[in-house]
Amino acid sequence: VTSGHGGLLRGLCFAFGVKGPSFPFPTWWPDGNVDAPTAGSVLLAGVLLKMGTYGMLRFNLGLFPDQARANAWWVMILALIGIIYGALVALVQPNMKKLIAYTSISHLGFVVLGIFSFTQAGLDGATFLMLAHVVSTGAPFMLAGALYERRHTYDISEFGGLATPMPVYATFFLFMVLASVGLPLLNGFI
């Protein structure tokens, strides 16, 4: 591959970064989830977000390996910013679906970081995290949808004391949150 393909690689990084969603392009993802029904949010998290990260893995690294390696430093910096940005913005969200969506931005930052590390462990970890993200993000969206069907709100402040009337639900939700934050022996730990 000649050096003239650097513009094409940057264009693909931009396109897959928007679809990903990678920093600085994640603005559509939280808003799209709030407006989408529960099934739509699960579909977005489970399938459509992976198109961006899979595209980076398959096309950027597969078609332009030399250019991808040369430009990996700025993609990795954006991935690190996305990890921190997603986590910090998730901390202040009053809306449950937006909180889950911003944690997805942070998770996908780890995927992009693994992809552009050009190590076997990084690529394996990115692939595994793409699969684990389906469960650790899809399940909280389904659980949030179940609450919405009963209370017609996603406002977190409306759900205090939920463990008393719904102990099984609260236990499962806690388990999924712990998987999402990377508790050892759960799917997000990779």
N, C-alpha and C. Protein backbone atom coordinates (compact mmCIF):
# COMPACT_ATOMS: atom_id res chain seq x y z
N VAL A 1 0.86 -1.17 0.00
CA VAL A 1 0.00 0.00 0.00
C VAL A 1 0.90 1.23 0.00
N THR A 2 0.63 2.12 -0.89
CA THR A 2 1.45 3.31 -0.97
C THR A 2 1.00 4.32 0.07
N SER A 3 1.82 5.32 0.28
CA SER A 3 1.50 6.33 1.29
C SER A 3 0.34 7.21 0.86
N GLY A 4 -0.07 7.15 -0.39
CA GLY A 4 -1.19 7.94 -0.86
C GLY A 4 -2.54 7.49 -0.31
N HIS A 5 -2.56 6.35 0.36
CA HIS A 5 -3.80 5.84 0.92
C HIS A 5 -4.08 6.35 2.32
N GLY A 6 -3.24 7.25 2.82
CA GLY A 6 -3.45 7.79 4.17
C GLY A 6 -4.76 8.55 4.29
N GLY A 7 -5.15 9.27 3.25
CA GLY A 7 -6.41 10.00 3.27
C GLY A 7 -7.61 9.07 3.30
N LEU A 8 -7.49 7.97 2.56
CA LEU A 8 -8.56 6.97 2.56
C LEU A 8 -8.68 6.31 3.93
N LEU A 9 -7.55 6.02 4.56
CA LEU A 9 -7.56 5.44 5.90
C LEU A 9 -8.21 6.40 6.88
N ARG A 10 -7.84 7.68 6.82
CA ARG A 10 -8.45 8.66 7.73
C ARG A 10 -9.94 8.79 7.47
N GLY A 11 -10.35 8.71 6.21
CA GLY A 11 -11.78 8.74 5.89
C GLY A 11 -12.52 7.54 6.46
N LEU A 12 -11.91 6.36 6.35
CA LEU A 12 -12.52 5.17 6.93
C LEU A 12 -12.57 5.26 8.45
N CYS A 13 -11.50 5.77 9.06
CA CYS A 13 -11.50 5.96 10.52
C CYS A 13 -12.62 6.91 10.94
N PHE A 14 -12.80 7.96 10.18
CA PHE A 14 -13.87 8.91 10.47
C PHE A 14 -15.23 8.24 10.34
N ALA A 15 -15.45 7.51 9.24
CA ALA A 15 -16.74 6.86 9.01
C ALA A 15 -17.04 5.81 10.07
N PHE A 16 -16.06 4.98 10.37
CA PHE A 16 -16.29 3.94 11.38
C PHE A 16 -16.33 4.54 12.78
N GLY A 17 -15.64 5.66 12.98
CA GLY A 17 -15.70 6.34 14.27
C GLY A 17 -17.07 6.95 14.54
N VAL A 18 -17.72 7.45 13.51
CA VAL A 18 -19.09 7.95 13.66
C VAL A 18 -20.02 6.78 13.95
N LYS A 19 -19.86 5.69 13.26
CA LYS A 19 -20.73 4.53 13.47
C LYS A 19 -20.42 3.85 14.78
N GLY A 20 -19.20 3.94 15.25
CA GLY A 20 -18.69 3.23 16.41
C GLY A 20 -19.41 3.34 17.72
N PRO A 21 -19.73 4.38 18.33
CA PRO A 21 -19.30 5.77 18.16
C PRO A 21 -18.02 6.03 18.93
N SER A 22 -17.03 6.56 18.28
CA SER A 22 -15.76 6.89 18.92
C SER A 22 -15.67 8.39 19.11
N PHE A 23 -14.88 8.79 20.09
CA PHE A 23 -14.67 10.21 20.34
C PHE A 23 -13.97 10.80 19.13
N PRO A 24 -14.32 11.95 18.64
CA PRO A 24 -15.24 12.97 19.12
C PRO A 24 -16.61 12.94 18.45
N PHE A 25 -17.07 11.78 18.00
CA PHE A 25 -18.31 11.69 17.24
C PHE A 25 -19.46 10.96 17.93
N PRO A 26 -19.52 10.89 19.26
CA PRO A 26 -20.56 10.05 19.87
C PRO A 26 -21.88 10.75 20.14
N THR A 27 -22.09 11.93 19.59
CA THR A 27 -23.26 12.71 19.99
C THR A 27 -24.59 12.08 19.59
N TRP A 28 -24.62 11.30 18.54
CA TRP A 28 -25.88 10.70 18.10
C TRP A 28 -26.30 9.53 18.98
N TRP A 29 -25.34 8.85 19.58
CA TRP A 29 -25.62 7.59 20.27
C TRP A 29 -26.51 7.74 21.50
N PRO A 30 -26.21 8.62 22.46
CA PRO A 30 -27.10 8.73 23.63
C PRO A 30 -28.49 9.25 23.26
N ASP A 31 -28.55 10.24 22.40
CA ASP A 31 -29.85 10.79 22.02
C ASP A 31 -30.68 9.77 21.24
N GLY A 32 -30.02 9.01 20.40
CA GLY A 32 -30.73 7.97 19.65
C GLY A 32 -31.30 6.91 20.56
N ASN A 33 -30.60 6.59 21.62
CA ASN A 33 -31.09 5.58 22.56
C ASN A 33 -32.26 6.08 23.38
N VAL A 34 -32.23 7.33 23.78
CA VAL A 34 -33.34 7.87 24.57
C VAL A 34 -34.61 7.89 23.73
N ASP A 35 -34.50 8.21 22.46
CA ASP A 35 -35.66 8.28 21.59
C ASP A 35 -36.13 6.92 21.08
N ALA A 36 -35.24 5.94 21.09
CA ALA A 36 -35.59 4.62 20.55
C ALA A 36 -36.38 3.80 21.57
N PRO A 37 -37.24 2.92 21.09
CA PRO A 37 -37.88 1.99 22.02
C PRO A 37 -36.84 1.00 22.54
N THR A 38 -37.21 0.23 23.52
CA THR A 38 -36.26 -0.69 24.16
C THR A 38 -35.64 -1.64 23.14
N ALA A 39 -36.44 -2.23 22.29
CA ALA A 39 -35.90 -3.16 21.28
C ALA A 39 -34.92 -2.46 20.35
N GLY A 40 -35.20 -1.22 20.02
CA GLY A 40 -34.28 -0.45 19.18
C GLY A 40 -32.95 -0.20 19.87
N SER A 41 -32.99 0.12 21.15
CA SER A 41 -31.75 0.33 21.90
C SER A 41 -30.92 -0.94 21.98
N VAL A 42 -31.58 -2.07 22.20
CA VAL A 42 -30.87 -3.34 22.27
C VAL A 42 -30.26 -3.67 20.92
N LEU A 43 -31.00 -3.43 19.84
CA LEU A 43 -30.47 -3.68 18.50
C LEU A 43 -29.30 -2.76 18.20
N LEU A 44 -29.42 -1.48 18.56
CA LEU A 44 -28.31 -0.55 18.36
C LEU A 44 -27.07 -1.02 19.09
N ALA A 45 -27.24 -1.37 20.37
CA ALA A 45 -26.08 -1.77 21.19
C ALA A 45 -25.53 -3.12 20.78
N GLY A 46 -26.43 -4.05 20.44
CA GLY A 46 -26.00 -5.41 20.17
C GLY A 46 -25.40 -5.64 18.80
N VAL A 47 -25.88 -4.91 17.81
CA VAL A 47 -25.44 -5.19 16.44
C VAL A 47 -24.83 -3.97 15.78
N LEU A 48 -25.55 -2.88 15.75
CA LEU A 48 -25.15 -1.75 14.91
C LEU A 48 -23.87 -1.05 15.37
N LEU A 49 -23.63 -0.97 16.68
CA LEU A 49 -22.39 -0.33 17.13
C LEU A 49 -21.16 -1.14 16.73
N LYS A 50 -21.33 -2.44 16.67
CA LYS A 50 -20.19 -3.30 16.34
C LYS A 50 -19.77 -3.14 14.88
N MET A 51 -20.66 -2.61 14.05
CA MET A 51 -20.30 -2.39 12.65
C MET A 51 -19.13 -1.41 12.54
N GLY A 52 -19.12 -0.40 13.40
CA GLY A 52 -18.03 0.57 13.37
C GLY A 52 -16.71 -0.02 13.82
N THR A 53 -16.73 -0.73 14.94
CA THR A 53 -15.48 -1.31 15.43
C THR A 53 -15.03 -2.48 14.56
N TYR A 54 -15.98 -3.27 14.06
CA TYR A 54 -15.61 -4.35 13.15
C TYR A 54 -15.03 -3.77 11.86
N GLY A 55 -15.60 -2.66 11.38
CA GLY A 55 -15.06 -2.02 10.19
C GLY A 55 -13.64 -1.55 10.38
N MET A 56 -13.35 -1.01 11.57
CA MET A 56 -11.96 -0.61 11.85
C MET A 56 -11.04 -1.83 11.82
N LEU A 57 -11.50 -2.89 12.43
CA LEU A 57 -10.69 -4.10 12.50
C LEU A 57 -10.50 -4.73 11.12
N ARG A 58 -11.58 -4.86 10.40
CA ARG A 58 -11.55 -5.58 9.12
C ARG A 58 -10.98 -4.75 7.98
N PHE A 59 -11.40 -3.49 7.88
CA PHE A 59 -11.01 -2.69 6.72
C PHE A 59 -9.77 -1.84 6.98
N ASN A 60 -9.73 -1.10 8.09
CA ASN A 60 -8.56 -0.27 8.33
C ASN A 60 -7.30 -1.11 8.50
N LEU A 61 -7.39 -2.14 9.35
CA LEU A 61 -6.22 -2.99 9.56
C LEU A 61 -6.03 -3.98 8.41
N GLY A 62 -7.13 -4.47 7.85
CA GLY A 62 -7.02 -5.46 6.79
C GLY A 62 -6.56 -4.91 5.46
N LEU A 63 -7.09 -3.76 5.07
CA LEU A 63 -6.74 -3.20 3.76
C LEU A 63 -5.53 -2.29 3.79
N PHE A 64 -5.33 -1.60 4.92
CA PHE A 64 -4.25 -0.61 5.00
C PHE A 64 -3.41 -0.83 6.26
N PRO A 65 -2.77 -1.97 6.41
CA PRO A 65 -2.06 -2.24 7.66
C PRO A 65 -0.91 -1.27 7.94
N ASP A 66 -0.15 -0.89 6.91
CA ASP A 66 0.97 0.03 7.13
C ASP A 66 0.48 1.42 7.52
N GLN A 67 -0.54 1.89 6.82
CA GLN A 67 -1.09 3.22 7.15
C GLN A 67 -1.78 3.20 8.51
N ALA A 68 -2.45 2.10 8.83
CA ALA A 68 -3.10 2.01 10.13
C ALA A 68 -2.06 2.05 11.24
N ARG A 69 -0.96 1.36 11.06
CA ARG A 69 0.11 1.36 12.06
C ARG A 69 0.73 2.75 12.20
N ALA A 70 0.90 3.45 11.08
CA ALA A 70 1.48 4.79 11.12
C ALA A 70 0.55 5.80 11.78
N ASN A 71 -0.75 5.60 11.66
CA ASN A 71 -1.72 6.55 12.23
C ASN A 71 -2.32 6.06 13.55
N ALA A 72 -1.83 4.97 14.06
CA ALA A 72 -2.41 4.39 15.28
C ALA A 72 -2.29 5.30 16.48
N TRP A 73 -1.25 6.12 16.53
CA TRP A 73 -1.03 6.96 17.72
C TRP A 73 -2.18 7.93 17.94
N TRP A 74 -2.68 8.57 16.88
CA TRP A 74 -3.77 9.53 17.10
C TRP A 74 -5.10 8.84 17.31
N VAL A 75 -5.30 7.66 16.72
CA VAL A 75 -6.53 6.91 16.97
C VAL A 75 -6.55 6.44 18.42
N MET A 76 -5.40 6.01 18.93
CA MET A 76 -5.32 5.56 20.32
C MET A 76 -5.53 6.72 21.30
N ILE A 77 -5.04 7.89 20.96
CA ILE A 77 -5.28 9.07 21.81
C ILE A 77 -6.78 9.38 21.85
N LEU A 78 -7.43 9.35 20.69
CA LEU A 78 -8.88 9.57 20.67
C LEU A 78 -9.63 8.49 21.43
N ALA A 79 -9.16 7.25 21.37
CA ALA A 79 -9.79 6.16 22.12
C ALA A 79 -9.65 6.41 23.62
N LEU A 80 -8.49 6.83 24.07
CA LEU A 80 -8.29 7.14 25.49
C LEU A 80 -9.17 8.29 25.95
N ILE A 81 -9.27 9.32 25.13
CA ILE A 81 -10.17 10.43 25.46
C ILE A 81 -11.61 9.94 25.52
N GLY A 82 -12.00 9.08 24.58
CA GLY A 82 -13.36 8.54 24.57
C GLY A 82 -13.66 7.70 25.80
N ILE A 83 -12.69 6.94 26.28
CA ILE A 83 -12.87 6.14 27.49
C ILE A 83 -13.16 7.04 28.68
N ILE A 84 -12.34 8.06 28.83
CA ILE A 84 -12.50 8.97 29.97
C ILE A 84 -13.76 9.82 29.81
N TYR A 85 -14.00 10.32 28.61
CA TYR A 85 -15.17 11.15 28.35
C TYR A 85 -16.46 10.38 28.62
N GLY A 86 -16.56 9.17 28.09
CA GLY A 86 -17.77 8.37 28.29
C GLY A 86 -18.02 8.09 29.76
N ALA A 87 -16.97 7.77 30.50
CA ALA A 87 -17.13 7.46 31.91
C ALA A 87 -17.53 8.70 32.72
N LEU A 88 -16.89 9.82 32.46
CA LEU A 88 -17.21 11.03 33.22
C LEU A 88 -18.61 11.56 32.93
N VAL A 89 -19.01 11.53 31.67
CA VAL A 89 -20.35 12.00 31.33
C VAL A 89 -21.42 11.04 31.87
N ALA A 90 -21.11 9.75 31.89
CA ALA A 90 -22.06 8.78 32.45
C ALA A 90 -22.30 9.03 33.93
N LEU A 91 -21.29 9.50 34.64
CA LEU A 91 -21.42 9.74 36.08
C LEU A 91 -22.49 10.77 36.44
N VAL A 92 -22.76 11.70 35.55
CA VAL A 92 -23.68 12.80 35.87
C VAL A 92 -25.03 12.69 35.17
N GLN A 93 -25.31 11.54 34.56
CA GLN A 93 -26.56 11.41 33.82
C GLN A 93 -27.74 11.12 34.74
N PRO A 94 -28.81 11.90 34.63
CA PRO A 94 -30.02 11.59 35.40
C PRO A 94 -30.92 10.58 34.67
N ASN A 95 -30.68 10.36 33.39
CA ASN A 95 -31.49 9.46 32.56
C ASN A 95 -30.80 8.11 32.45
N MET A 96 -31.51 7.04 32.79
CA MET A 96 -30.92 5.70 32.81
C MET A 96 -30.42 5.26 31.43
N LYS A 97 -31.18 5.54 30.39
CA LYS A 97 -30.75 5.11 29.06
C LYS A 97 -29.53 5.89 28.59
N LYS A 98 -29.46 7.17 28.92
CA LYS A 98 -28.27 7.94 28.55
C LYS A 98 -27.05 7.46 29.31
N LEU A 99 -27.24 7.10 30.57
CA LEU A 99 -26.12 6.57 31.36
C LEU A 99 -25.57 5.30 30.72
N ILE A 100 -26.45 4.40 30.34
CA ILE A 100 -26.01 3.16 29.70
C ILE A 100 -25.33 3.46 28.36
N ALA A 101 -25.86 4.42 27.62
CA ALA A 101 -25.28 4.78 26.33
C ALA A 101 -23.88 5.36 26.49
N TYR A 102 -23.67 6.22 27.48
CA TYR A 102 -22.34 6.80 27.68
C TYR A 102 -21.34 5.76 28.17
N THR A 103 -21.79 4.78 28.94
CA THR A 103 -20.85 3.71 29.30
C THR A 103 -20.46 2.91 28.06
N SER A 104 -21.35 2.81 27.09
CA SER A 104 -21.02 2.13 25.83
C SER A 104 -19.91 2.86 25.09
N ILE A 105 -19.96 4.18 25.12
CA ILE A 105 -18.91 4.96 24.46
C ILE A 105 -17.57 4.65 25.10
N SER A 106 -17.56 4.55 26.42
CA SER A 106 -16.34 4.22 27.13
C SER A 106 -15.87 2.81 26.78
N HIS A 107 -16.78 1.85 26.75
CA HIS A 107 -16.42 0.47 26.41
C HIS A 107 -15.85 0.38 25.00
N LEU A 108 -16.48 1.07 24.07
CA LEU A 108 -16.00 0.99 22.69
C LEU A 108 -14.66 1.70 22.52
N GLY A 109 -14.35 2.63 23.41
CA GLY A 109 -13.00 3.21 23.41
C GLY A 109 -11.95 2.15 23.72
N PHE A 110 -12.28 1.24 24.65
CA PHE A 110 -11.37 0.13 24.94
C PHE A 110 -11.22 -0.79 23.74
N VAL A 111 -12.30 -0.99 23.01
CA VAL A 111 -12.24 -1.84 21.81
C VAL A 111 -11.31 -1.20 20.77
N VAL A 112 -11.48 0.08 20.52
CA VAL A 112 -10.63 0.77 19.53
C VAL A 112 -9.18 0.77 19.99
N LEU A 113 -8.96 0.98 21.28
CA LEU A 113 -7.60 0.95 21.82
C LEU A 113 -6.96 -0.42 21.60
N GLY A 114 -7.72 -1.49 21.82
CA GLY A 114 -7.20 -2.83 21.59
C GLY A 114 -6.92 -3.11 20.13
N ILE A 115 -7.80 -2.63 19.26
CA ILE A 115 -7.62 -2.86 17.82
C ILE A 115 -6.33 -2.21 17.33
N PHE A 116 -6.09 -0.97 17.74
CA PHE A 116 -4.93 -0.24 17.23
C PHE A 116 -3.68 -0.44 18.07
N SER A 117 -3.73 -1.38 19.01
CA SER A 117 -2.51 -1.73 19.75
C SER A 117 -1.60 -2.62 18.91
N PHE A 118 -2.16 -3.28 17.91
CA PHE A 118 -1.42 -4.18 17.01
C PHE A 118 -0.71 -5.30 17.78
N THR A 119 -1.33 -5.74 18.85
CA THR A 119 -0.83 -6.90 19.58
C THR A 119 -1.91 -7.98 19.53
N GLN A 120 -1.48 -9.22 19.66
CA GLN A 120 -2.46 -10.31 19.65
C GLN A 120 -3.41 -10.21 20.83
N ALA A 121 -2.87 -9.86 22.00
CA ALA A 121 -3.72 -9.72 23.19
C ALA A 121 -4.72 -8.58 23.00
N GLY A 122 -4.29 -7.49 22.39
CA GLY A 122 -5.18 -6.36 22.15
C GLY A 122 -6.29 -6.70 21.17
N LEU A 123 -5.94 -7.38 20.10
CA LEU A 123 -6.95 -7.77 19.11
C LEU A 123 -7.92 -8.81 19.67
N ASP A 124 -7.38 -9.78 20.43
CA ASP A 124 -8.26 -10.78 21.05
C ASP A 124 -9.18 -10.11 22.08
N GLY A 125 -8.61 -9.21 22.88
CA GLY A 125 -9.42 -8.50 23.88
C GLY A 125 -10.48 -7.63 23.25
N ALA A 126 -10.15 -6.96 22.15
CA ALA A 126 -11.12 -6.12 21.46
C ALA A 126 -12.26 -6.97 20.89
N THR A 127 -11.91 -8.10 20.30
CA THR A 127 -12.94 -8.99 19.76
C THR A 127 -13.83 -9.53 20.86
N PHE A 128 -13.23 -9.96 21.97
CA PHE A 128 -14.03 -10.48 23.07
C PHE A 128 -14.91 -9.39 23.67
N LEU A 129 -14.36 -8.19 23.82
CA LEU A 129 -15.15 -7.10 24.40
C LEU A 129 -16.29 -6.69 23.49
N MET A 130 -16.11 -6.79 22.17
CA MET A 130 -17.23 -6.52 21.27
C MET A 130 -18.37 -7.50 21.52
N LEU A 131 -18.04 -8.76 21.74
CA LEU A 131 -19.07 -9.77 22.03
C LEU A 131 -19.65 -9.58 23.43
N ALA A 132 -18.80 -9.30 24.41
CA ALA A 132 -19.27 -9.10 25.78
C ALA A 132 -20.14 -7.86 25.89
N HIS A 133 -19.85 -6.87 25.09
CA HIS A 133 -20.62 -5.61 25.12
C HIS A 133 -22.08 -5.84 24.74
N VAL A 134 -22.33 -6.82 23.90
CA VAL A 134 -23.71 -7.15 23.52
C VAL A 134 -24.52 -7.47 24.77
N VAL A 135 -23.96 -8.28 25.65
CA VAL A 135 -24.66 -8.70 26.85
C VAL A 135 -24.65 -7.61 27.90
N SER A 136 -23.48 -7.03 28.16
CA SER A 136 -23.37 -6.08 29.27
C SER A 136 -24.00 -4.72 28.97
N THR A 137 -24.40 -4.48 27.74
CA THR A 137 -25.13 -3.26 27.42
C THR A 137 -26.56 -3.57 26.99
N GLY A 138 -26.76 -4.65 26.27
CA GLY A 138 -28.12 -5.01 25.84
C GLY A 138 -29.02 -5.35 27.02
N ALA A 139 -28.49 -6.09 27.98
CA ALA A 139 -29.31 -6.46 29.15
C ALA A 139 -29.73 -5.24 29.98
N PRO A 140 -28.84 -4.30 30.30
CA PRO A 140 -29.32 -3.11 31.01
C PRO A 140 -30.37 -2.30 30.24
N PHE A 141 -30.25 -2.26 28.91
CA PHE A 141 -31.29 -1.59 28.13
C PHE A 141 -32.62 -2.30 28.27
N MET A 142 -32.60 -3.64 28.26
CA MET A 142 -33.85 -4.39 28.44
C MET A 142 -34.41 -4.19 29.85
N LEU A 143 -33.54 -4.18 30.84
CA LEU A 143 -33.99 -3.98 32.21
C LEU A 143 -34.53 -2.57 32.41
N ALA A 144 -33.89 -1.59 31.80
CA ALA A 144 -34.41 -0.21 31.87
C ALA A 144 -35.76 -0.11 31.17
N GLY A 145 -35.91 -0.83 30.07
CA GLY A 145 -37.19 -0.84 29.37
C GLY A 145 -38.30 -1.45 30.20
N ALA A 146 -37.97 -2.48 30.99
CA ALA A 146 -38.97 -3.08 31.88
C ALA A 146 -39.44 -2.08 32.93
N LEU A 147 -38.52 -1.31 33.45
CA LEU A 147 -38.90 -0.26 34.41
C LEU A 147 -39.74 0.82 33.74
N TYR A 148 -39.36 1.17 32.53
CA TYR A 148 -40.10 2.20 31.81
C TYR A 148 -41.55 1.78 31.57
N GLU A 149 -41.76 0.51 31.27
CA GLU A 149 -43.12 0.01 31.04
C GLU A 149 -43.99 0.17 32.29
N ARG A 150 -43.39 0.12 33.46
CA ARG A 150 -44.16 0.23 34.70
C ARG A 150 -44.29 1.66 35.19
N ARG A 151 -43.23 2.47 35.00
CA ARG A 151 -43.21 3.82 35.58
C ARG A 151 -43.25 4.94 34.55
N HIS A 152 -43.03 4.65 33.29
CA HIS A 152 -43.06 5.62 32.18
C HIS A 152 -42.06 6.76 32.37
N THR A 153 -40.90 6.42 32.92
CA THR A 153 -39.82 7.38 33.03
C THR A 153 -38.49 6.64 33.08
N TYR A 154 -37.44 7.31 32.63
CA TYR A 154 -36.07 6.78 32.74
C TYR A 154 -35.28 7.56 33.78
N ASP A 155 -35.93 8.44 34.52
CA ASP A 155 -35.26 9.28 35.51
C ASP A 155 -34.80 8.41 36.68
N ILE A 156 -33.50 8.35 36.90
CA ILE A 156 -32.92 7.47 37.92
C ILE A 156 -33.43 7.82 39.32
N SER A 157 -33.70 9.08 39.58
CA SER A 157 -34.15 9.48 40.92
C SER A 157 -35.53 8.91 41.26
N GLU A 158 -36.27 8.42 40.29
CA GLU A 158 -37.59 7.85 40.53
C GLU A 158 -37.54 6.39 40.97
N PHE A 159 -36.35 5.79 40.97
CA PHE A 159 -36.27 4.36 41.21
C PHE A 159 -35.54 4.00 42.50
N GLY A 160 -35.55 4.85 43.51
CA GLY A 160 -34.92 4.54 44.78
C GLY A 160 -35.68 3.44 45.51
N GLY A 161 -34.95 2.55 46.19
CA GLY A 161 -35.58 1.49 46.96
C GLY A 161 -36.18 0.39 46.12
N LEU A 162 -35.66 0.15 44.96
CA LEU A 162 -36.22 -0.82 44.04
C LEU A 162 -35.96 -2.27 44.47
N ALA A 163 -34.95 -2.48 45.29
CA ALA A 163 -34.59 -3.84 45.70
C ALA A 163 -35.64 -4.48 46.60
N THR A 164 -36.39 -3.68 47.34
CA THR A 164 -37.39 -4.25 48.24
C THR A 164 -38.57 -4.85 47.48
N PRO A 165 -39.20 -4.11 46.55
CA PRO A 165 -40.34 -4.73 45.84
C PRO A 165 -39.92 -5.68 44.71
N MET A 166 -38.70 -5.53 44.19
CA MET A 166 -38.25 -6.34 43.05
C MET A 166 -36.85 -6.90 43.32
N PRO A 167 -36.68 -7.82 44.26
CA PRO A 167 -35.33 -8.28 44.60
C PRO A 167 -34.62 -9.06 43.48
N VAL A 168 -35.34 -9.87 42.74
CA VAL A 168 -34.71 -10.63 41.65
C VAL A 168 -34.26 -9.67 40.54
N TYR A 169 -35.11 -8.73 40.21
CA TYR A 169 -34.78 -7.72 39.20
C TYR A 169 -33.53 -6.94 39.63
N ALA A 170 -33.53 -6.46 40.88
CA ALA A 170 -32.41 -5.66 41.39
C ALA A 170 -31.12 -6.47 41.39
N THR A 171 -31.20 -7.74 41.73
CA THR A 171 -30.01 -8.60 41.73
C THR A 171 -29.46 -8.77 40.32
N PHE A 172 -30.35 -9.03 39.37
CA PHE A 172 -29.91 -9.21 37.98
C PHE A 172 -29.34 -7.91 37.43
N PHE A 173 -29.98 -6.79 37.75
CA PHE A 173 -29.49 -5.49 37.28
C PHE A 173 -28.10 -5.22 37.86
N LEU A 174 -27.92 -5.49 39.16
CA LEU A 174 -26.61 -5.30 39.79
C LEU A 174 -25.56 -6.19 39.13
N PHE A 175 -25.92 -7.44 38.86
CA PHE A 175 -25.00 -8.35 38.20
C PHE A 175 -24.55 -7.81 36.85
N MET A 176 -25.49 -7.26 36.07
CA MET A 176 -25.15 -6.72 34.75
C MET A 176 -24.31 -5.45 34.87
N VAL A 177 -24.60 -4.64 35.88
CA VAL A 177 -23.79 -3.43 36.09
C VAL A 177 -22.37 -3.82 36.48
N LEU A 178 -22.22 -4.81 37.33
CA LEU A 178 -20.88 -5.26 37.73
C LEU A 178 -20.13 -5.86 36.54
N ALA A 179 -20.83 -6.55 35.66
CA ALA A 179 -20.19 -7.05 34.45
C ALA A 179 -19.76 -5.89 33.57
N SER A 180 -20.57 -4.87 33.51
CA SER A 180 -20.25 -3.71 32.68
C SER A 180 -19.04 -2.94 33.20
N VAL A 181 -18.88 -2.87 34.52
CA VAL A 181 -17.74 -2.12 35.07
C VAL A 181 -16.47 -2.96 35.13
N GLY A 182 -16.56 -4.24 34.78
CA GLY A 182 -15.36 -5.05 34.67
C GLY A 182 -14.98 -5.80 35.93
N LEU A 183 -15.94 -6.23 36.71
CA LEU A 183 -15.64 -7.03 37.89
C LEU A 183 -14.95 -8.34 37.47
N PRO A 184 -13.88 -8.74 38.14
CA PRO A 184 -13.22 -9.99 37.77
C PRO A 184 -14.18 -11.17 37.75
N LEU A 185 -13.95 -12.05 36.82
CA LEU A 185 -14.72 -13.26 36.53
C LEU A 185 -16.01 -12.99 35.76
N LEU A 186 -16.29 -11.73 35.42
CA LEU A 186 -17.45 -11.41 34.59
C LEU A 186 -16.96 -10.97 33.23
N ASN A 187 -17.87 -10.84 32.26
CA ASN A 187 -17.47 -10.66 30.87
C ASN A 187 -16.76 -9.35 30.56
N GLY A 188 -16.94 -8.31 31.33
CA GLY A 188 -16.27 -7.04 31.05
C GLY A 188 -14.85 -6.96 31.55
N PHE A 189 -14.38 -7.98 32.26
CA PHE A 189 -13.06 -7.95 32.89
C PHE A 189 -11.92 -8.04 31.87
N ILE A 190 -12.19 -8.57 30.71
CA ILE A 190 -11.14 -8.77 29.71
C ILE A 190 -10.43 -7.47 29.40
